[in-house]
Structure formats: structure tokens, C-alpha cells
Amino acid sequence: MIRYLTAEESANLSPLKSGKRTWLYAAIAPLEVGQSLVFPITDWRGKTTPYLSIRNAAKKLGYTLEYGRHPNGKEYLIKRQK
């Protein structure tokens, strides 16, 4: 279904470009040192785990990330170390 967004709704949105800029990359990019990102396992639709995308984003951004399954078992956890 097509939705039209108002100027206020679309002010903070920017389309993802081709290449490595996936929604996951876009979510990792603004992380500050010590911040964490958590997303449900059901949001990841790849054939394998998202670890390759996380490693590629960390390398391209120059971040050191700690990542894996969240202790609750239903989410992935990404934490920026430096």
C-alpha cells in the first residue's frame, strides 16, 4: 500500500543508497562509544546471521563493535567499544 508522508514526517528520513548502506549499517553509524543497539531476530531476513554485515560496517566506519545474541535469546545486541 502506498502512503504519503507529510513534510514533518519525512524531515528525519533519508533513503538508503545502493552498496553497503543497509538499514543495519544506517543504524550502526550514529552509535557513540558505549552505546548499544538491540533489534529483534525477526527483523533480520537474511539467509544467515547479520554478523557479516556488522563486521563490514565496523570496518568501513572504523568502529570496534561487540556483537551477538542478546541474553534474552530473542534479539541481537551490538555495542560500540571504541
Protein backbone atom coordinates (compact mmCIF):
# COMPACT_ATOMS: atom_id res chain seq x y z
CA MET A 1 0.00 0.00 0.00
CA ILE A 2 1.33 3.46 -0.88
CA ARG A 3 1.45 6.05 1.89
CA TYR A 4 2.06 9.76 1.57
CA LEU A 5 4.13 11.41 4.30
CA THR A 6 3.83 14.99 5.42
CA ALA A 7 6.85 17.30 5.44
CA GLU A 8 7.20 16.81 9.21
CA GLU A 9 7.12 13.01 8.93
CA SER A 10 9.73 12.93 6.18
CA ALA A 11 12.07 15.55 7.68
CA ASN A 12 14.21 12.98 9.54
CA LEU A 13 14.13 10.31 6.83
CA SER A 14 16.75 9.74 4.16
CA PRO A 15 16.60 6.98 1.55
CA LEU A 16 19.17 4.20 1.76
CA LYS A 17 21.55 4.25 -1.18
CA SER A 18 22.95 1.25 -3.03
CA GLY A 19 26.02 -0.50 -1.70
CA LYS A 20 26.80 -1.24 1.92
CA ARG A 21 24.27 1.22 3.33
CA THR A 22 21.69 -1.25 4.58
CA TRP A 23 19.22 -0.40 7.33
CA LEU A 24 21.59 -2.11 9.74
CA TYR A 25 24.57 0.00 8.58
CA ALA A 26 22.46 3.14 8.92
CA ALA A 27 21.53 2.10 12.47
CA ILE A 28 25.15 1.37 13.47
CA ALA A 29 26.66 4.56 12.03
CA PRO A 30 25.41 7.06 14.67
CA LEU A 31 26.38 4.90 17.67
CA GLU A 32 28.58 6.66 20.23
CA VAL A 33 31.20 4.82 22.31
CA GLY A 34 29.39 2.80 24.99
CA GLN A 35 26.01 2.88 23.26
CA SER A 36 24.21 -0.30 22.27
CA LEU A 37 21.76 -1.26 19.56
CA VAL A 38 19.19 -4.02 20.01
CA PHE A 39 16.89 -5.36 17.29
CA PRO A 40 14.58 -8.39 17.14
CA ILE A 41 15.84 -11.51 15.39
CA THR A 42 12.67 -11.44 13.27
CA ASP A 43 13.79 -8.12 11.72
CA TRP A 44 16.77 -9.85 10.09
CA ARG A 45 15.64 -11.53 6.87
CA GLY A 46 18.99 -12.76 5.53
CA LYS A 47 19.81 -16.42 4.99
CA THR A 48 22.45 -16.32 7.73
CA THR A 49 23.10 -14.21 10.83
CA PRO A 50 23.75 -10.46 10.44
CA TYR A 51 27.34 -10.79 11.67
CA LEU A 52 28.93 -10.29 8.23
CA SER A 53 27.02 -7.03 7.73
CA ILE A 54 28.02 -5.91 11.23
CA ARG A 55 31.70 -6.68 10.59
CA ASN A 56 31.61 -4.84 7.23
CA ALA A 57 30.01 -1.77 8.83
CA ALA A 58 32.54 -1.78 11.68
CA LYS A 59 35.45 -1.99 9.24
CA LYS A 60 34.12 0.76 6.98
CA LEU A 61 33.26 3.09 9.88
CA GLY A 62 36.44 2.31 11.85
CA TYR A 63 34.48 1.13 14.89
CA THR A 64 35.24 -1.66 17.34
CA LEU A 65 31.98 -3.47 18.00
CA GLU A 66 30.99 -6.25 20.36
CA TYR A 67 28.01 -8.14 18.97
CA GLY A 68 26.00 -11.31 19.34
CA ARG A 69 22.70 -12.64 20.61
CA HIS A 70 21.00 -10.72 23.41
CA PRO A 71 20.81 -12.70 26.69
CA ASN A 72 17.02 -12.94 26.31
CA GLY A 73 17.55 -15.02 23.13
CA LYS A 74 15.05 -13.06 21.05
CA GLU A 75 17.21 -10.15 19.89
CA TYR A 76 20.63 -9.24 18.52
CA LEU A 77 22.85 -6.91 20.54
CA ILE A 78 25.53 -4.60 19.10
CA LYS A 79 27.69 -2.50 21.42
CA ARG A 80 30.26 0.07 20.27
CA GLN A 81 33.55 -0.30 22.18
CA LYS A 82 35.68 2.42 20.52
